[in-house]
N, C-alpha and C. Protein backbone atom coordinates (compact mmCIF):
# COMPACT_ATOMS: atom_id res chain seq x y z
N MET A 1 0.84 -1.19 0.00
CA MET A 1 0.00 0.00 0.00
C MET A 1 0.88 1.24 0.00
N ASN A 2 0.50 2.19 -0.84
CA ASN A 2 1.23 3.45 -0.94
C ASN A 2 0.34 4.59 -0.50
N TYR A 3 0.95 5.59 0.12
CA TYR A 3 0.29 6.86 0.36
C TYR A 3 0.91 7.83 -0.63
N ILE A 4 0.08 8.38 -1.50
CA ILE A 4 0.54 9.26 -2.56
C ILE A 4 0.02 10.66 -2.25
N ILE A 5 0.95 11.60 -2.08
CA ILE A 5 0.56 12.96 -1.73
C ILE A 5 1.00 13.90 -2.84
N THR A 6 0.03 14.42 -3.61
CA THR A 6 0.37 15.43 -4.62
C THR A 6 0.41 16.77 -3.90
N GLY A 7 1.37 17.59 -4.25
CA GLY A 7 1.57 18.83 -3.51
C GLY A 7 2.16 18.53 -2.13
N GLY A 8 2.89 17.44 -2.04
CA GLY A 8 3.40 16.96 -0.76
C GLY A 8 4.50 17.78 -0.14
N THR A 9 5.02 18.76 -0.86
CA THR A 9 6.09 19.59 -0.31
C THR A 9 5.53 20.80 0.44
N GLY A 10 4.25 21.07 0.29
CA GLY A 10 3.63 22.22 0.96
C GLY A 10 3.39 21.97 2.44
N PHE A 11 2.79 22.95 3.08
CA PHE A 11 2.56 22.93 4.53
C PHE A 11 1.75 21.70 4.96
N ILE A 12 0.58 21.50 4.34
CA ILE A 12 -0.28 20.38 4.73
C ILE A 12 0.38 19.05 4.38
N GLY A 13 0.95 18.95 3.18
CA GLY A 13 1.58 17.71 2.74
C GLY A 13 2.72 17.27 3.62
N THR A 14 3.56 18.21 4.05
CA THR A 14 4.70 17.84 4.89
C THR A 14 4.23 17.35 6.26
N HIS A 15 3.23 18.00 6.81
CA HIS A 15 2.73 17.57 8.11
C HIS A 15 2.00 16.22 8.00
N LEU A 16 1.24 16.03 6.94
CA LEU A 16 0.56 14.75 6.74
C LEU A 16 1.58 13.63 6.56
N THR A 17 2.62 13.87 5.79
CA THR A 17 3.68 12.87 5.60
C THR A 17 4.23 12.41 6.94
N ASN A 18 4.60 13.36 7.77
CA ASN A 18 5.20 13.02 9.06
C ASN A 18 4.20 12.31 9.97
N LEU A 19 2.91 12.69 9.89
CA LEU A 19 1.89 12.01 10.69
C LEU A 19 1.70 10.57 10.23
N ILE A 20 1.61 10.36 8.93
CA ILE A 20 1.47 8.99 8.42
C ILE A 20 2.62 8.12 8.90
N LYS A 21 3.84 8.63 8.81
CA LYS A 21 5.01 7.84 9.22
C LYS A 21 5.05 7.61 10.73
N GLU A 22 4.46 8.53 11.51
CA GLU A 22 4.35 8.32 12.95
C GLU A 22 3.41 7.18 13.26
N VAL A 23 2.29 7.15 12.57
CA VAL A 23 1.24 6.16 12.83
C VAL A 23 1.54 4.82 12.17
N HIS A 24 2.08 4.87 10.95
CA HIS A 24 2.39 3.66 10.18
C HIS A 24 3.87 3.67 9.81
N LEU A 25 4.69 3.17 10.68
CA LEU A 25 6.15 3.25 10.52
C LEU A 25 6.64 2.69 9.19
N ASP A 26 6.01 1.64 8.68
CA ASP A 26 6.47 0.99 7.46
C ASP A 26 5.77 1.51 6.20
N ALA A 27 5.02 2.58 6.32
CA ALA A 27 4.25 3.09 5.18
C ALA A 27 5.18 3.59 4.07
N ASN A 28 4.75 3.38 2.84
CA ASN A 28 5.44 3.94 1.67
C ASN A 28 4.74 5.25 1.33
N VAL A 29 5.41 6.36 1.59
CA VAL A 29 4.84 7.68 1.33
C VAL A 29 5.58 8.31 0.16
N TRP A 30 4.82 8.68 -0.86
CA TRP A 30 5.38 9.27 -2.08
C TRP A 30 4.92 10.70 -2.18
N ASN A 31 5.87 11.62 -2.27
CA ASN A 31 5.62 13.05 -2.33
C ASN A 31 5.75 13.50 -3.79
N LEU A 32 4.61 13.69 -4.46
CA LEU A 32 4.61 14.11 -5.86
C LEU A 32 4.40 15.61 -5.93
N ASP A 33 5.41 16.34 -6.39
CA ASP A 33 5.33 17.80 -6.41
C ASP A 33 6.29 18.34 -7.47
N ILE A 34 6.05 19.58 -7.88
CA ILE A 34 7.00 20.24 -8.79
C ILE A 34 8.03 21.04 -8.00
N VAL A 35 7.78 21.23 -6.70
CA VAL A 35 8.70 21.96 -5.84
C VAL A 35 9.42 20.94 -4.96
N LYS A 36 10.74 20.95 -5.01
CA LYS A 36 11.52 20.03 -4.18
C LYS A 36 11.43 20.46 -2.72
N PRO A 37 11.49 19.50 -1.78
CA PRO A 37 11.50 19.87 -0.37
C PRO A 37 12.62 20.86 -0.06
N TYR A 38 12.35 21.75 0.86
CA TYR A 38 13.30 22.75 1.35
C TYR A 38 13.59 23.86 0.35
N THR A 39 12.85 23.92 -0.76
CA THR A 39 13.14 24.89 -1.82
C THR A 39 12.25 26.12 -1.69
N PRO A 40 12.82 27.30 -1.65
CA PRO A 40 11.98 28.50 -1.68
C PRO A 40 11.34 28.64 -3.06
N ASN A 41 10.20 29.26 -3.10
CA ASN A 41 9.49 29.46 -4.37
C ASN A 41 9.65 30.92 -4.79
N PRO A 42 10.50 31.20 -5.77
CA PRO A 42 10.78 32.58 -6.15
C PRO A 42 9.58 33.29 -6.78
N ALA A 43 8.58 32.54 -7.21
CA ALA A 43 7.40 33.17 -7.83
C ALA A 43 6.47 33.78 -6.80
N VAL A 44 6.64 33.43 -5.52
CA VAL A 44 5.74 33.91 -4.48
C VAL A 44 6.53 34.80 -3.52
N LYS A 45 6.10 36.06 -3.41
CA LYS A 45 6.79 37.02 -2.56
C LYS A 45 6.76 36.55 -1.10
N ASN A 46 7.90 36.63 -0.44
CA ASN A 46 8.06 36.26 0.97
C ASN A 46 7.71 34.81 1.26
N TYR A 47 7.83 33.94 0.27
CA TYR A 47 7.52 32.52 0.46
C TYR A 47 8.57 31.88 1.35
N LYS A 48 8.10 31.10 2.30
CA LYS A 48 9.01 30.33 3.15
C LYS A 48 8.65 28.86 2.97
N PRO A 49 9.63 28.01 2.70
CA PRO A 49 9.34 26.59 2.55
C PRO A 49 8.70 26.03 3.82
N ALA A 50 7.87 25.00 3.67
CA ALA A 50 7.21 24.38 4.82
C ALA A 50 8.22 23.75 5.76
N LEU A 51 9.34 23.30 5.23
CA LEU A 51 10.40 22.70 6.04
C LEU A 51 11.69 23.49 5.88
N LYS A 52 12.41 23.62 6.98
CA LYS A 52 13.74 24.21 6.90
C LYS A 52 14.74 23.09 6.66
N GLU A 53 15.84 23.45 6.04
CA GLU A 53 16.89 22.47 5.77
C GLU A 53 17.22 21.68 7.03
N GLY A 54 17.22 20.38 6.91
CA GLY A 54 17.53 19.52 8.05
C GLY A 54 16.32 18.98 8.78
N GLU A 55 15.15 19.60 8.62
CA GLU A 55 13.94 19.07 9.25
C GLU A 55 13.52 17.81 8.49
N PRO A 56 12.97 16.84 9.20
CA PRO A 56 12.64 15.57 8.53
C PRO A 56 11.41 15.66 7.62
N LEU A 57 11.48 14.99 6.51
CA LEU A 57 10.33 14.74 5.64
C LEU A 57 10.48 13.30 5.20
N ASP A 58 9.77 12.43 5.87
CA ASP A 58 9.96 11.00 5.70
C ASP A 58 9.12 10.45 4.56
N SER A 59 9.43 10.92 3.36
CA SER A 59 8.76 10.44 2.15
C SER A 59 9.78 10.39 1.03
N THR A 60 9.38 9.78 -0.06
CA THR A 60 10.23 9.77 -1.24
C THR A 60 9.71 10.83 -2.20
N TYR A 61 10.55 11.79 -2.53
CA TYR A 61 10.17 12.87 -3.44
C TYR A 61 10.21 12.38 -4.88
N VAL A 62 9.14 12.69 -5.63
CA VAL A 62 9.07 12.38 -7.05
C VAL A 62 8.64 13.66 -7.76
N GLU A 63 9.48 14.16 -8.64
CA GLU A 63 9.10 15.36 -9.38
C GLU A 63 7.91 15.03 -10.28
N CYS A 64 6.82 15.78 -10.10
CA CYS A 64 5.59 15.49 -10.81
C CYS A 64 4.78 16.77 -10.96
N ASP A 65 4.31 17.02 -12.15
CA ASP A 65 3.47 18.18 -12.45
C ASP A 65 2.07 17.67 -12.76
N VAL A 66 1.11 17.91 -11.85
CA VAL A 66 -0.24 17.38 -12.04
C VAL A 66 -0.97 18.02 -13.22
N ARG A 67 -0.41 19.07 -13.77
CA ARG A 67 -1.04 19.69 -14.94
C ARG A 67 -0.90 18.81 -16.18
N LYS A 68 -0.07 17.78 -16.06
CA LYS A 68 0.14 16.81 -17.14
C LYS A 68 -0.30 15.43 -16.64
N PRO A 69 -0.60 14.50 -17.54
CA PRO A 69 -0.95 13.14 -17.10
C PRO A 69 0.14 12.57 -16.19
N ILE A 70 -0.28 11.86 -15.16
CA ILE A 70 0.66 11.28 -14.19
C ILE A 70 1.03 9.87 -14.66
N GLU A 71 2.30 9.71 -14.97
CA GLU A 71 2.77 8.41 -15.46
C GLU A 71 4.25 8.26 -15.16
N ASP A 72 4.78 7.08 -15.42
CA ASP A 72 6.21 6.77 -15.22
C ASP A 72 6.69 7.06 -13.81
N LEU A 73 5.95 6.57 -12.83
CA LEU A 73 6.35 6.75 -11.43
C LEU A 73 7.30 5.63 -11.02
N PRO A 74 8.14 5.88 -10.02
CA PRO A 74 9.13 4.87 -9.62
C PRO A 74 8.57 3.80 -8.68
N PHE A 75 7.26 3.64 -8.66
CA PHE A 75 6.63 2.60 -7.85
C PHE A 75 5.41 2.09 -8.60
N THR A 76 4.88 0.97 -8.16
CA THR A 76 3.71 0.39 -8.81
C THR A 76 2.46 0.71 -7.99
N PRO A 77 1.58 1.54 -8.53
CA PRO A 77 0.34 1.86 -7.82
C PRO A 77 -0.56 0.62 -7.72
N THR A 78 -1.32 0.54 -6.63
CA THR A 78 -2.26 -0.56 -6.44
C THR A 78 -3.62 0.02 -6.06
N GLY A 79 -4.65 -0.79 -6.16
CA GLY A 79 -5.99 -0.36 -5.79
C GLY A 79 -6.14 -0.08 -4.31
N GLU A 80 -5.19 -0.51 -3.50
CA GLU A 80 -5.22 -0.28 -2.05
C GLU A 80 -4.62 1.07 -1.65
N ASP A 81 -4.00 1.76 -2.59
CA ASP A 81 -3.32 3.02 -2.29
C ASP A 81 -4.31 4.11 -1.87
N VAL A 82 -3.76 5.14 -1.24
CA VAL A 82 -4.53 6.31 -0.85
C VAL A 82 -3.85 7.53 -1.47
N ILE A 83 -4.66 8.37 -2.11
CA ILE A 83 -4.14 9.60 -2.72
C ILE A 83 -4.68 10.80 -1.97
N PHE A 84 -3.79 11.70 -1.60
CA PHE A 84 -4.16 12.99 -1.02
C PHE A 84 -3.75 14.05 -2.04
N ASN A 85 -4.71 14.78 -2.57
CA ASN A 85 -4.41 15.78 -3.59
C ASN A 85 -4.37 17.18 -2.98
N PHE A 86 -3.15 17.67 -2.71
CA PHE A 86 -2.97 19.01 -2.18
C PHE A 86 -2.30 19.94 -3.20
N ALA A 87 -2.13 19.49 -4.43
CA ALA A 87 -1.52 20.32 -5.45
C ALA A 87 -2.50 21.42 -5.84
N ALA A 88 -2.08 22.68 -5.67
CA ALA A 88 -2.98 23.80 -5.98
C ALA A 88 -2.20 25.10 -6.08
N VAL A 89 -2.75 26.02 -6.84
CA VAL A 89 -2.27 27.40 -6.85
C VAL A 89 -3.22 28.14 -5.91
N HIS A 90 -2.69 28.64 -4.80
CA HIS A 90 -3.56 29.29 -3.83
C HIS A 90 -2.87 30.30 -2.93
N ARG A 91 -1.57 30.33 -2.90
CA ARG A 91 -0.85 31.13 -1.91
C ARG A 91 -1.09 32.63 -2.01
N THR A 92 -1.07 33.15 -3.18
CA THR A 92 -1.21 34.60 -3.33
C THR A 92 -2.18 34.91 -4.45
N PRO A 93 -2.93 36.00 -4.32
CA PRO A 93 -3.80 36.40 -5.44
C PRO A 93 -2.96 36.98 -6.56
N GLY A 94 -3.55 37.08 -7.72
CA GLY A 94 -2.88 37.74 -8.83
C GLY A 94 -2.27 36.82 -9.86
N HIS A 95 -2.37 35.51 -9.66
CA HIS A 95 -1.91 34.59 -10.69
C HIS A 95 -2.83 34.72 -11.89
N PRO A 96 -2.33 34.50 -13.09
CA PRO A 96 -3.22 34.51 -14.26
C PRO A 96 -4.31 33.45 -14.09
N ASP A 97 -5.50 33.74 -14.60
CA ASP A 97 -6.63 32.81 -14.46
C ASP A 97 -6.26 31.40 -14.91
N HIS A 98 -5.53 31.28 -16.01
CA HIS A 98 -5.20 29.95 -16.51
C HIS A 98 -4.33 29.17 -15.53
N ALA A 99 -3.54 29.83 -14.69
CA ALA A 99 -2.70 29.13 -13.72
C ALA A 99 -3.57 28.41 -12.68
N TYR A 100 -4.63 29.08 -12.22
CA TYR A 100 -5.55 28.43 -11.28
C TYR A 100 -6.22 27.24 -11.95
N PHE A 101 -6.72 27.45 -13.17
CA PHE A 101 -7.43 26.40 -13.89
C PHE A 101 -6.52 25.20 -14.15
N GLU A 102 -5.34 25.44 -14.68
CA GLU A 102 -4.45 24.35 -15.05
C GLU A 102 -4.06 23.48 -13.86
N THR A 103 -3.77 24.09 -12.73
CA THR A 103 -3.36 23.31 -11.56
C THR A 103 -4.56 22.79 -10.78
N ASN A 104 -5.48 23.66 -10.45
CA ASN A 104 -6.57 23.29 -9.55
C ASN A 104 -7.63 22.42 -10.21
N ILE A 105 -7.96 22.68 -11.47
CA ILE A 105 -8.99 21.92 -12.15
C ILE A 105 -8.37 20.80 -12.99
N ARG A 106 -7.53 21.16 -13.96
CA ARG A 106 -6.91 20.15 -14.80
C ARG A 106 -6.06 19.20 -13.96
N GLY A 107 -5.37 19.73 -12.95
CA GLY A 107 -4.58 18.87 -12.07
C GLY A 107 -5.44 17.86 -11.35
N ALA A 108 -6.58 18.30 -10.82
CA ALA A 108 -7.49 17.37 -10.13
C ALA A 108 -8.02 16.32 -11.11
N GLU A 109 -8.30 16.73 -12.34
CA GLU A 109 -8.74 15.76 -13.36
C GLU A 109 -7.65 14.72 -13.63
N ASN A 110 -6.40 15.17 -13.70
CA ASN A 110 -5.29 14.24 -13.96
C ASN A 110 -5.08 13.29 -12.78
N VAL A 111 -5.25 13.79 -11.56
CA VAL A 111 -5.13 12.92 -10.38
C VAL A 111 -6.24 11.87 -10.40
N CYS A 112 -7.46 12.30 -10.72
CA CYS A 112 -8.59 11.35 -10.79
C CYS A 112 -8.40 10.33 -11.92
N ALA A 113 -7.88 10.77 -13.06
CA ALA A 113 -7.62 9.85 -14.18
C ALA A 113 -6.57 8.81 -13.78
N PHE A 114 -5.53 9.25 -13.07
CA PHE A 114 -4.49 8.34 -12.57
C PHE A 114 -5.11 7.32 -11.62
N ALA A 115 -5.95 7.79 -10.70
CA ALA A 115 -6.60 6.90 -9.74
C ALA A 115 -7.49 5.89 -10.45
N GLU A 116 -8.25 6.36 -11.41
CA GLU A 116 -9.15 5.47 -12.15
C GLU A 116 -8.35 4.41 -12.92
N LYS A 117 -7.27 4.82 -13.55
CA LYS A 117 -6.43 3.91 -14.34
C LYS A 117 -5.89 2.77 -13.47
N HIS A 118 -5.59 3.07 -12.21
CA HIS A 118 -4.96 2.08 -11.32
C HIS A 118 -5.95 1.49 -10.30
N GLY A 119 -7.24 1.81 -10.46
CA GLY A 119 -8.25 1.25 -9.56
C GLY A 119 -8.18 1.77 -8.14
N ILE A 120 -7.65 2.97 -7.96
CA ILE A 120 -7.53 3.56 -6.63
C ILE A 120 -8.82 4.31 -6.31
N ARG A 121 -9.47 3.91 -5.23
CA ARG A 121 -10.75 4.52 -4.87
C ARG A 121 -10.63 5.46 -3.69
N ASN A 122 -9.50 5.43 -3.02
CA ASN A 122 -9.29 6.26 -1.82
C ASN A 122 -8.59 7.55 -2.20
N ILE A 123 -9.39 8.57 -2.54
CA ILE A 123 -8.85 9.88 -2.90
C ILE A 123 -9.38 10.90 -1.92
N VAL A 124 -8.46 11.65 -1.32
CA VAL A 124 -8.84 12.66 -0.34
C VAL A 124 -8.49 14.02 -0.90
């Protein structure tokens, strides 16, 4: 069983990752995001990463852009997996309208298509 967290580098994703690993020590947690852990986001004014260098993030990072179909992952998804979709444009106002649509709507569609393809019914 895998726990798949899209947008897993953000505030909620990092805390969820650490909680899952606290409760389920042997869990496979996959952090799918376009932002690497500990990386500041230059597109957002005064952005601070959810984790500071050296703080634990007990997941495997996989570079993934939900605006595109999700494929070629380094693990085999199963119908028992759980997906948490936290990938979103939301931090600051003023993004072009298409940026919200592409990530928040098209991204959610791509996550659902991935889940359907692999028989995953547990999407949060």
